[in-house]
Amino acid sequence: MPAIVSAYILGITRINKFFFNVASSLIFLIVFSMLYEVVSRYVFHAPTTWGMELATLLFGPYFLLGGAYLLHMRGHVNLDLLKNKLSPQNRRLLDLFSFLIIIVFSIIMFSYSFSPAMQAWEYKETSFSAWNPPVWPVKFAIPISVLLLGLQSFAEMLTVLYREQDQQP
């Protein structure tokens, strides 16, 4: 494998691992805000204006930003029963086709999600609730996550292309 290809694969995987770790830590904020809301509402009879909305706003980036590293870890749903019955060559072709589909999907999703995220940033869009937090950072999670997914899929495709044909993933 050429050094530049290896550097790309390692680099994008490290970036996606970083975003995966950041996204994973969001669960603590989500749990804390929901716990605080429940205690505040049912114990003190004083619901917050921000608890449930914060949890909702954080949940999108929580599951979106971890997807690319999950692809690298082979954590997405897969038809292993069918795939394991294929020859190594056909398995390799199926992997290449799958990664190509993910790349095309990522390009389409990025092209449709970047413009609304930019508009939300330009207009400093908020949620229009009683708390009224900005929502543009959350809207940027979509184009960022599909860009990272496409880049990771390309890295995985390169890994399959440069892997010896008889090797398993």
C-alpha atoms as a PDB file:
ATOM      1  CA  MET A   1       0.000   0.000   0.000  1.00  0.00           C
ATOM      2  CA  PRO A   2       1.447   3.403  -0.950  1.00  0.00           C
ATOM      3  CA  ALA A   3       2.443   5.638   1.962  1.00  0.00           C
ATOM      4  CA  ILE A   4       0.019   8.409   0.996  1.00  0.00           C
ATOM      5  CA  VAL A   5      -2.898   5.969   0.933  1.00  0.00           C
ATOM      6  CA  SER A   6      -1.885   4.558   4.295  1.00  0.00           C
ATOM      7  CA  ALA A   7      -1.558   8.098   5.720  1.00  0.00           C
ATOM      8  CA  TYR A   8      -5.023   9.032   4.410  1.00  0.00           C
ATOM      9  CA  ILE A   9      -6.617   5.922   5.901  1.00  0.00           C
ATOM     10  CA  LEU A  10      -4.912   6.445   9.253  1.00  0.00           C
ATOM     11  CA  GLY A  11      -5.660  10.184   9.289  1.00  0.00           C
ATOM     12  CA  ILE A  12      -9.362   9.996   8.489  1.00  0.00           C
ATOM     13  CA  THR A  13      -9.829   7.091  10.876  1.00  0.00           C
ATOM     14  CA  ARG A  14      -8.186   9.087  13.688  1.00  0.00           C
ATOM     15  CA  ILE A  15     -10.407  12.102  12.946  1.00  0.00           C
ATOM     16  CA  ASN A  16     -13.490   9.892  13.007  1.00  0.00           C
ATOM     17  CA  LYS A  17     -12.365   8.226  16.236  1.00  0.00           C
ATOM     18  CA  PHE A  18     -12.064  11.699  17.792  1.00  0.00           C
ATOM     19  CA  PHE A  19     -15.612  12.609  16.705  1.00  0.00           C
ATOM     20  CA  PHE A  20     -16.827   9.214  17.924  1.00  0.00           C
ATOM     21  CA  ASN A  21     -15.362   9.903  21.372  1.00  0.00           C
ATOM     22  CA  VAL A  22     -16.848  13.416  21.445  1.00  0.00           C
ATOM     23  CA  ALA A  23     -20.236  12.056  20.391  1.00  0.00           C
ATOM     24  CA  SER A  24     -20.024   9.288  22.978  1.00  0.00           C
ATOM     25  CA  SER A  25     -19.443  11.817  25.730  1.00  0.00           C
ATOM     26  CA  LEU A  26     -22.630  13.660  24.777  1.00  0.00           C
ATOM     27  CA  ILE A  27     -24.651  10.884  26.387  1.00  0.00           C
ATOM     28  CA  PHE A  28     -23.546  12.165  29.786  1.00  0.00           C
ATOM     29  CA  LEU A  29     -25.006  15.596  29.025  1.00  0.00           C
ATOM     30  CA  ILE A  30     -28.186  14.044  27.669  1.00  0.00           C
ATOM     31  CA  VAL A  31     -28.650  11.844  30.747  1.00  0.00           C
ATOM     32  CA  PHE A  32     -27.830  14.714  33.124  1.00  0.00           C
ATOM     33  CA  SER A  33     -30.289  17.110  31.473  1.00  0.00           C
ATOM     34  CA  MET A  34     -33.082  14.521  31.449  1.00  0.00           C
ATOM     35  CA  LEU A  35     -32.387  13.487  35.040  1.00  0.00           C
ATOM     36  CA  TYR A  36     -32.333  17.107  36.141  1.00  0.00           C
ATOM     37  CA  GLU A  37     -35.610  17.733  34.294  1.00  0.00           C
ATOM     38  CA  VAL A  38     -37.329  14.726  35.872  1.00  0.00           C
ATOM     39  CA  VAL A  39     -36.181  15.581  39.390  1.00  0.00           C
ATOM     40  CA  SER A  40     -37.030  19.239  38.932  1.00  0.00           C
ATOM     41  CA  ARG A  41     -40.480  18.455  37.524  1.00  0.00           C
ATOM     42  CA  TYR A  42     -41.631  15.646  39.798  1.00  0.00           C
ATOM     43  CA  VAL A  43     -39.778  16.308  43.056  1.00  0.00           C
ATOM     44  CA  PHE A  44     -39.757  20.106  43.151  1.00  0.00           C
ATOM     45  CA  HIS A  45     -42.762  20.753  40.840  1.00  0.00           C
ATOM     46  CA  ALA A  46     -40.641  23.250  38.912  1.00  0.00           C
ATOM     47  CA  PRO A  47     -39.979  22.035  35.364  1.00  0.00           C
ATOM     48  CA  THR A  48     -37.139  23.602  33.423  1.00  0.00           C
ATOM     49  CA  THR A  49     -37.532  25.372  30.098  1.00  0.00           C
ATOM     50  CA  TRP A  50     -34.359  23.791  28.758  1.00  0.00           C
ATOM     51  CA  GLY A  51     -34.027  20.179  29.971  1.00  0.00           C
ATOM     52  CA  MET A  52     -35.896  18.204  27.354  1.00  0.00           C
ATOM     53  CA  GLU A  53     -34.948  20.565  24.543  1.00  0.00           C
ATOM     54  CA  LEU A  54     -31.243  20.261  25.358  1.00  0.00           C
ATOM     55  CA  ALA A  55     -31.519  16.460  25.373  1.00  0.00           C
ATOM     56  CA  THR A  56     -33.323  16.563  22.033  1.00  0.00           C
ATOM     57  CA  LEU A  57     -30.777  18.914  20.472  1.00  0.00           C
ATOM     58  CA  LEU A  58     -27.842  16.800  21.653  1.00  0.00           C
ATOM     59  CA  PHE A  59     -29.310  13.484  20.572  1.00  0.00           C
ATOM     60  CA  GLY A  60     -28.916  14.249  16.844  1.00  0.00           C
ATOM     61  CA  PRO A  61     -25.161  14.879  16.979  1.00  0.00           C
ATOM     62  CA  TYR A  62     -24.839  11.977  19.442  1.00  0.00           C
ATOM     63  CA  PHE A  63     -25.877   9.366  16.921  1.00  0.00           C
ATOM     64  CA  LEU A  64     -24.749  11.133  13.734  1.00  0.00           C
ATOM     65  CA  LEU A  65     -21.124  11.891  14.576  1.00  0.00           C
ATOM     66  CA  GLY A  66     -20.298   8.350  15.651  1.00  0.00           C
ATOM     67  CA  GLY A  67     -21.444   6.710  12.422  1.00  0.00           C
ATOM     68  CA  ALA A  68     -18.234   7.042  10.423  1.00  0.00           C
ATOM     69  CA  TYR A  69     -16.029   5.397  13.050  1.00  0.00           C
ATOM     70  CA  LEU A  70     -18.688   2.745  13.528  1.00  0.00           C
ATOM     71  CA  LEU A  71     -18.319   1.990   9.805  1.00  0.00           C
ATOM     72  CA  HIS A  72     -14.591   1.465  10.362  1.00  0.00           C
ATOM     73  CA  MET A  73     -15.292  -0.831  13.318  1.00  0.00           C
ATOM     74  CA  ARG A  74     -17.795  -2.819  11.195  1.00  0.00           C
ATOM     75  CA  GLY A  75     -20.509  -1.973  13.704  1.00  0.00           C
ATOM     76  CA  HIS A  76     -23.323  -1.251  11.273  1.00  0.00           C
ATOM     77  CA  VAL A  77     -25.998  -3.804  10.409  1.00  0.00           C
ATOM     78  CA  ASN A  78     -24.708  -6.352   7.942  1.00  0.00           C
ATOM     79  CA  LEU A  79     -26.058  -9.476   6.268  1.00  0.00           C
ATOM     80  CA  ASP A  80     -23.298 -11.724   7.571  1.00  0.00           C
ATOM     81  CA  LEU A  81     -25.184 -14.954   6.904  1.00  0.00           C
ATOM     82  CA  LEU A  82     -25.401 -14.149   3.218  1.00  0.00           C
ATOM     83  CA  LYS A  83     -21.979 -12.515   2.987  1.00  0.00           C
ATOM     84  CA  ASN A  84     -20.177 -15.452   4.638  1.00  0.00           C
ATOM     85  CA  LYS A  85     -21.518 -17.818   1.956  1.00  0.00           C
ATOM     86  CA  LEU A  86     -19.838 -15.819  -0.793  1.00  0.00           C
ATOM     87  CA  SER A  87     -16.377 -16.528  -2.137  1.00  0.00           C
ATOM     88  CA  PRO A  88     -13.601 -14.176  -0.967  1.00  0.00           C
ATOM     89  CA  GLN A  89     -13.567 -12.502  -4.400  1.00  0.00           C
ATOM     90  CA  ASN A  90     -17.336 -11.913  -4.381  1.00  0.00           C
ATOM     91  CA  ARG A  91     -17.179 -10.711  -0.770  1.00  0.00           C
ATOM     92  CA  ARG A  92     -14.524  -8.224  -1.811  1.00  0.00           C
ATOM     93  CA  LEU A  93     -16.666  -7.014  -4.731  1.00  0.00           C
ATOM     94  CA  LEU A  94     -19.673  -6.677  -2.438  1.00  0.00           C
ATOM     95  CA  ASP A  95     -17.615  -4.602   0.008  1.00  0.00           C
ATOM     96  CA  LEU A  96     -16.401  -2.329  -2.792  1.00  0.00           C
ATOM     97  CA  PHE A  97     -19.945  -1.894  -4.095  1.00  0.00           C
ATOM     98  CA  SER A  98     -21.256  -1.156  -0.587  1.00  0.00           C
ATOM     99  CA  PHE A  99     -18.605   1.489   0.057  1.00  0.00           C
ATOM    100  CA  LEU A 100     -19.319   3.064  -3.329  1.00  0.00           C
ATOM    101  CA  ILE A 101     -23.034   3.279  -2.465  1.00  0.00           C
ATOM    102  CA  ILE A 102     -22.171   4.910   0.878  1.00  0.00           C
ATOM    103  CA  ILE A 103     -19.949   7.457  -0.891  1.00  0.00           C
ATOM    104  CA  VAL A 104     -22.721   8.345  -3.371  1.00  0.00           C
ATOM    105  CA  PHE A 105     -25.229   8.589  -0.499  1.00  0.00           C
ATOM    106  CA  SER A 106     -22.828  10.857   1.415  1.00  0.00           C
ATOM    107  CA  ILE A 107     -22.348  13.171  -1.562  1.00  0.00           C
ATOM    108  CA  ILE A 108     -26.104  13.484  -2.073  1.00  0.00           C
ATOM    109  CA  MET A 109     -26.798  14.041   1.633  1.00  0.00           C
ATOM    110  CA  PHE A 110     -24.001  16.593   1.914  1.00  0.00           C
ATOM    111  CA  SER A 111     -25.287  18.550  -1.069  1.00  0.00           C
ATOM    112  CA  TYR A 112     -28.781  18.697   0.431  1.00  0.00           C
ATOM    113  CA  SER A 113     -27.766  19.377   4.042  1.00  0.00           C
ATOM    114  CA  PHE A 114     -24.989  21.951   3.712  1.00  0.00           C
ATOM    115  CA  SER A 115     -27.160  24.787   2.372  1.00  0.00           C
ATOM    116  CA  PRO A 116     -29.776  24.631   5.181  1.00  0.00           C
ATOM    117  CA  ALA A 117     -26.972  24.486   7.761  1.00  0.00           C
ATOM    118  CA  MET A 118     -25.339  27.578   6.216  1.00  0.00           C
ATOM    119  CA  GLN A 119     -28.685  29.397   6.179  1.00  0.00           C
ATOM    120  CA  ALA A 120     -29.254  28.540   9.826  1.00  0.00           C
ATOM    121  CA  TRP A 121     -25.803  29.938  10.650  1.00  0.00           C
ATOM    122  CA  GLU A 122     -26.286  33.101   8.558  1.00  0.00           C
ATOM    123  CA  TYR A 123     -29.652  33.844  10.165  1.00  0.00           C
ATOM    124  CA  LYS A 124     -28.462  32.749  13.622  1.00  0.00           C
ATOM    125  CA  GLU A 125     -31.474  30.430  13.727  1.00  0.00           C
ATOM    126  CA  THR A 126     -32.907  29.561  17.123  1.00  0.00           C
ATOM    127  CA  SER A 127     -35.532  27.083  18.248  1.00  0.00           C
ATOM    128  CA  PHE A 128     -38.195  29.749  18.952  1.00  0.00           C
ATOM    129  CA  SER A 129     -39.028  28.070  22.256  1.00  0.00           C
ATOM    130  CA  ALA A 130     -39.147  29.622  25.710  1.00  0.00           C
ATOM    131  CA  TRP A 131     -35.456  28.771  26.134  1.00  0.00           C
ATOM    132  CA  ASN A 132     -34.632  29.713  22.497  1.00  0.00           C
ATOM    133  CA  PRO A 133     -31.140  28.206  22.014  1.00  0.00           C
ATOM    134  CA  PRO A 134     -29.297  28.482  18.692  1.00  0.00           C
ATOM    135  CA  VAL A 135     -29.888  25.430  16.490  1.00  0.00           C
ATOM    136  CA  TRP A 136     -27.330  26.095  13.769  1.00  0.00           C
ATOM    137  CA  PRO A 137     -24.595  24.063  15.517  1.00  0.00           C
ATOM    138  CA  VAL A 138     -26.922  21.074  15.581  1.00  0.00           C
ATOM    139  CA  LYS A 139     -27.825  21.553  11.915  1.00  0.00           C
ATOM    140  CA  PHE A 140     -24.119  21.430  11.019  1.00  0.00           C
ATOM    141  CA  ALA A 141     -23.891  17.946  12.538  1.00  0.00           C
ATOM    142  CA  ILE A 142     -25.626  16.545   9.451  1.00  0.00           C
ATOM    143  CA  PRO A 143     -23.253  17.757   6.702  1.00  0.00           C
ATOM    144  CA  ILE A 144     -20.213  17.165   8.927  1.00  0.00           C
ATOM    145  CA  SER A 145     -21.286  13.618   9.731  1.00  0.00           C
ATOM    146  CA  VAL A 146     -22.076  12.641   6.122  1.00  0.00           C
ATOM    147  CA  LEU A 147     -18.791  14.191   4.961  1.00  0.00           C
ATOM    148  CA  LEU A 148     -16.909  12.136   7.558  1.00  0.00           C
ATOM    149  CA  LEU A 149     -18.921   9.048   6.586  1.00  0.00           C
ATOM    150  CA  GLY A 150     -18.040   9.503   2.910  1.00  0.00           C
ATOM    151  CA  LEU A 151     -14.362  10.050   3.675  1.00  0.00           C
ATOM    152  CA  GLN A 152     -14.273   6.990   5.944  1.00  0.00           C
ATOM    153  CA  SER A 153     -16.064   4.916   3.332  1.00  0.00           C
ATOM    154  CA  PHE A 154     -13.441   5.943   0.786  1.00  0.00           C
ATOM    155  CA  ALA A 155     -10.736   4.931   3.271  1.00  0.00           C
ATOM    156  CA  GLU A 156     -12.411   1.551   3.776  1.00  0.00           C
ATOM    157  CA  MET A 157     -12.697   1.137   0.009  1.00  0.00           C
ATOM    158  CA  LEU A 158      -8.958   1.804  -0.353  1.00  0.00           C
ATOM    159  CA  THR A 159      -8.285  -0.732   2.395  1.00  0.00           C
ATOM    160  CA  VAL A 160     -10.252  -3.365   0.485  1.00  0.00           C
ATOM    161  CA  LEU A 161      -8.563  -2.462  -2.808  1.00  0.00           C
ATOM    162  CA  TYR A 162      -5.058  -2.772  -1.366  1.00  0.00           C
ATOM    163  CA  ARG A 163      -5.794  -5.824   0.790  1.00  0.00           C
ATOM    164  CA  GLU A 164      -4.623  -9.151  -0.500  1.00  0.00           C
ATOM    165  CA  GLN A 165      -7.546 -10.947  -2.080  1.00  0.00           C
ATOM    166  CA  ASP A 166      -7.405 -13.960   0.210  1.00  0.00           C
ATOM    167  CA  GLN A 167      -7.306 -11.893   3.414  1.00  0.00           C
ATOM    168  CA  GLN A 168     -10.434 -11.387   5.477  1.00  0.00           C
ATOM    169  CA  PRO A 169     -11.424  -7.916   6.801  1.00  0.00           C
END
